Amino acid sequence: PSFITEMGLPVKPKNVKNNLPKQVPERPDAMVIKPLAIPGCVDISFMLHDRKHILMVAVEWRIVGTDNWNNGTYFAELKGILKGLPSRTDVEIRLRSLGRNDLKSIWTTQIPVAVY
């Protein structure tokens, strides 16, 4: 490496993943959550206005009236299907963006949905 440096060639430092500054990612918005005609499944879509600081979106759910949130899944795209929900139950769903360096957005407002 010192030979290359002395030749004036740029050397990329080790373990450098990107040049983006640390920034808390924006939370998802314009969420649409629809029950599917498949037991325990709902369709989720949302918008992300600035994706460069977002690696994926986390989804959590809970039965309406309870305090315990359950880890649902993670989406790398702007839509997906959340599976494994209790059938014939009203649940609340919330999302948040996950960014680099363990930075996370705040949770969205929970949205109630009746699961088929």
C-alpha atoms as a PDB file:
ATOM      1  CA  PRO A   1       0.000   0.000   0.000  1.00  0.00           C
ATOM      2  CA  SER A   2       2.789   2.503   0.721  1.00  0.00           C
ATOM      3  CA  PHE A   3       4.213   1.896  -2.756  1.00  0.00           C
ATOM      4  CA  ILE A   4       0.857   2.791  -4.314  1.00  0.00           C
ATOM      5  CA  THR A   5       0.449   5.836  -2.058  1.00  0.00           C
ATOM      6  CA  GLU A   6       3.890   7.124  -2.984  1.00  0.00           C
ATOM      7  CA  MET A   7       2.952   6.866  -6.664  1.00  0.00           C
ATOM      8  CA  GLY A   8       0.156   9.390  -6.089  1.00  0.00           C
ATOM      9  CA  LEU A   9      -2.672   6.932  -6.709  1.00  0.00           C
ATOM     10  CA  PRO A  10      -5.749   7.287  -4.493  1.00  0.00           C
ATOM     11  CA  VAL A  11      -6.129   4.499  -1.970  1.00  0.00           C
ATOM     12  CA  LYS A  12      -9.571   3.785  -0.558  1.00  0.00           C
ATOM     13  CA  PRO A  13      -9.402   3.316   3.228  1.00  0.00           C
ATOM     14  CA  LYS A  14     -10.511  -0.083   4.508  1.00  0.00           C
ATOM     15  CA  ASN A  15     -14.004  -0.579   5.914  1.00  0.00           C
ATOM     16  CA  VAL A  16     -15.455   2.514   4.241  1.00  0.00           C
ATOM     17  CA  LYS A  17     -18.934   1.600   3.048  1.00  0.00           C
ATOM     18  CA  ASN A  18     -20.258   4.925   1.773  1.00  0.00           C
ATOM     19  CA  ASN A  19     -19.729   8.654   1.859  1.00  0.00           C
ATOM     20  CA  LEU A  20     -23.203   9.522   3.136  1.00  0.00           C
ATOM     21  CA  PRO A  21     -23.333  11.553   6.340  1.00  0.00           C
ATOM     22  CA  LYS A  22     -25.052  10.061   9.367  1.00  0.00           C
ATOM     23  CA  GLN A  23     -28.677  11.075   9.081  1.00  0.00           C
ATOM     24  CA  VAL A  24     -31.812   9.742  10.730  1.00  0.00           C
ATOM     25  CA  PRO A  25     -33.962   8.279   7.932  1.00  0.00           C
ATOM     26  CA  GLU A  26     -37.404   9.703   7.235  1.00  0.00           C
ATOM     27  CA  ARG A  27     -40.304   7.593   8.386  1.00  0.00           C
ATOM     28  CA  PRO A  28     -42.636   5.993   5.831  1.00  0.00           C
ATOM     29  CA  ASP A  29     -45.803   7.863   4.951  1.00  0.00           C
ATOM     30  CA  ALA A  30     -48.903   7.542   2.722  1.00  0.00           C
ATOM     31  CA  MET A  31     -49.412   4.045   4.147  1.00  0.00           C
ATOM     32  CA  VAL A  32     -52.178   1.860   2.760  1.00  0.00           C
ATOM     33  CA  ILE A  33     -52.972  -1.325   4.657  1.00  0.00           C
ATOM     34  CA  LYS A  34     -55.605  -3.676   3.239  1.00  0.00           C
ATOM     35  CA  PRO A  35     -56.761  -7.073   4.482  1.00  0.00           C
ATOM     36  CA  LEU A  36     -56.370  -9.881   1.975  1.00  0.00           C
ATOM     37  CA  ALA A  37     -58.820 -12.726   1.434  1.00  0.00           C
ATOM     38  CA  ILE A  38     -56.095 -15.014   2.799  1.00  0.00           C
ATOM     39  CA  PRO A  39     -56.339 -15.809   6.526  1.00  0.00           C
ATOM     40  CA  GLY A  40     -53.738 -13.925   8.579  1.00  0.00           C
ATOM     41  CA  CYS A  41     -52.439 -11.721   5.741  1.00  0.00           C
ATOM     42  CA  VAL A  42     -52.574  -7.994   4.953  1.00  0.00           C
ATOM     43  CA  ASP A  43     -51.186  -6.007   2.031  1.00  0.00           C
ATOM     44  CA  ILE A  44     -49.016  -2.991   2.970  1.00  0.00           C
ATOM     45  CA  SER A  45     -47.796  -0.168   0.737  1.00  0.00           C
ATOM     46  CA  PHE A  46     -46.166   3.142   1.646  1.00  0.00           C
ATOM     47  CA  MET A  47     -44.002   5.987   0.329  1.00  0.00           C
ATOM     48  CA  LEU A  48     -40.416   6.940   1.118  1.00  0.00           C
ATOM     49  CA  HIS A  49     -39.385  10.384  -0.099  1.00  0.00           C
ATOM     50  CA  ASP A  50     -35.633  10.101   0.469  1.00  0.00           C
ATOM     51  CA  ARG A  51     -34.435   6.515   0.124  1.00  0.00           C
ATOM     52  CA  LYS A  52     -30.692   7.165   0.155  1.00  0.00           C
ATOM     53  CA  HIS A  53     -30.503   6.901   3.967  1.00  0.00           C
ATOM     54  CA  ILE A  54     -32.910   3.948   4.252  1.00  0.00           C
ATOM     55  CA  LEU A  55     -31.858   0.299   4.161  1.00  0.00           C
ATOM     56  CA  MET A  56     -35.262  -1.241   4.926  1.00  0.00           C
ATOM     57  CA  VAL A  57     -38.569  -0.652   6.675  1.00  0.00           C
ATOM     58  CA  ALA A  58     -39.548  -2.506   9.853  1.00  0.00           C
ATOM     59  CA  VAL A  59     -43.163  -3.564  10.452  1.00  0.00           C
ATOM     60  CA  GLU A  60     -44.697  -4.312  13.850  1.00  0.00           C
ATOM     61  CA  TRP A  61     -48.226  -5.313  14.832  1.00  0.00           C
ATOM     62  CA  ARG A  62     -50.342  -5.809  17.942  1.00  0.00           C
ATOM     63  CA  ILE A  63     -53.860  -6.917  18.725  1.00  0.00           C
ATOM     64  CA  VAL A  64     -56.072  -3.870  19.309  1.00  0.00           C
ATOM     65  CA  GLY A  65     -56.364  -3.134  23.025  1.00  0.00           C
ATOM     66  CA  THR A  66     -53.078  -4.798  24.022  1.00  0.00           C
ATOM     67  CA  ASP A  67     -49.701  -3.249  24.854  1.00  0.00           C
ATOM     68  CA  ASN A  68     -47.300  -5.803  23.324  1.00  0.00           C
ATOM     69  CA  TRP A  69     -45.933  -5.110  19.840  1.00  0.00           C
ATOM     70  CA  ASN A  70     -44.855  -8.093  17.707  1.00  0.00           C
ATOM     71  CA  ASN A  71     -42.080  -8.038  15.154  1.00  0.00           C
ATOM     72  CA  GLY A  72     -43.787  -8.475  11.787  1.00  0.00           C
ATOM     73  CA  THR A  73     -41.278  -8.365   8.979  1.00  0.00           C
ATOM     74  CA  TYR A  74     -38.891  -6.119   7.055  1.00  0.00           C
ATOM     75  CA  PHE A  75     -39.463  -4.646   3.597  1.00  0.00           C
ATOM     76  CA  ALA A  76     -36.763  -3.528   1.175  1.00  0.00           C
ATOM     77  CA  GLU A  77     -39.430  -2.445  -1.333  1.00  0.00           C
ATOM     78  CA  LEU A  78     -42.350  -0.003  -1.075  1.00  0.00           C
ATOM     79  CA  LYS A  79     -44.923  -2.756  -0.635  1.00  0.00           C
ATOM     80  CA  GLY A  80     -45.300  -6.260   0.672  1.00  0.00           C
ATOM     81  CA  ILE A  81     -47.511  -8.765   2.431  1.00  0.00           C
ATOM     82  CA  LEU A  82     -47.471  -9.208   6.185  1.00  0.00           C
ATOM     83  CA  LYS A  83     -48.254 -12.841   7.044  1.00  0.00           C
ATOM     84  CA  GLY A  84     -48.863 -14.768  10.246  1.00  0.00           C
ATOM     85  CA  LEU A  85     -51.386 -12.423  11.852  1.00  0.00           C
ATOM     86  CA  PRO A  86     -54.174 -13.884  13.996  1.00  0.00           C
ATOM     87  CA  SER A  87     -57.235 -14.522  11.805  1.00  0.00           C
ATOM     88  CA  ARG A  88     -60.548 -12.756  12.432  1.00  0.00           C
ATOM     89  CA  THR A  89     -58.854 -10.239  14.711  1.00  0.00           C
ATOM     90  CA  ASP A  90     -58.458  -6.468  14.695  1.00  0.00           C
ATOM     91  CA  VAL A  91     -54.781  -5.503  14.752  1.00  0.00           C
ATOM     92  CA  GLU A  92     -52.795  -2.274  14.625  1.00  0.00           C
ATOM     93  CA  ILE A  93     -49.781  -1.967  12.347  1.00  0.00           C
ATOM     94  CA  ARG A  94     -46.915   0.538  12.480  1.00  0.00           C
ATOM     95  CA  LEU A  95     -43.767   1.063  10.405  1.00  0.00           C
ATOM     96  CA  ARG A  96     -40.404   2.788  10.703  1.00  0.00           C
ATOM     97  CA  SER A  97     -37.382   3.240   8.489  1.00  0.00           C
ATOM     98  CA  LEU A  98     -34.056   1.639   9.369  1.00  0.00           C
ATOM     99  CA  GLY A  99     -30.910   3.398   8.196  1.00  0.00           C
ATOM    100  CA  ARG A 100     -27.171   3.035   8.347  1.00  0.00           C
ATOM    101  CA  ASN A 101     -25.220   3.172  11.628  1.00  0.00           C
ATOM    102  CA  ASP A 102     -28.232   1.861  13.614  1.00  0.00           C
ATOM    103  CA  LEU A 103     -30.197   5.056  12.922  1.00  0.00           C
ATOM    104  CA  LYS A 104     -33.987   4.661  12.903  1.00  0.00           C
ATOM    105  CA  SER A 105     -36.955   6.909  12.191  1.00  0.00           C
ATOM    106  CA  ILE A 106     -39.737   7.341  14.685  1.00  0.00           C
ATOM    107  CA  TRP A 107     -42.652   4.913  14.384  1.00  0.00           C
ATOM    108  CA  THR A 108     -45.613   5.873  12.247  1.00  0.00           C
ATOM    109  CA  THR A 109     -49.038   6.268  13.792  1.00  0.00           C
ATOM    110  CA  GLN A 110     -50.544   2.806  14.132  1.00  0.00           C
ATOM    111  CA  ILE A 111     -53.242   1.904  11.635  1.00  0.00           C
ATOM    112  CA  PRO A 112     -56.041  -0.498  12.621  1.00  0.00           C
ATOM    113  CA  VAL A 113     -57.072  -3.247  10.202  1.00  0.00           C
ATOM    114  CA  ALA A 114     -59.465  -6.192  10.452  1.00  0.00           C
ATOM    115  CA  VAL A 115     -57.596  -9.364   9.494  1.00  0.00           C
ATOM    116  CA  TYR A 116     -59.469 -11.996   7.482  1.00  0.00           C
END
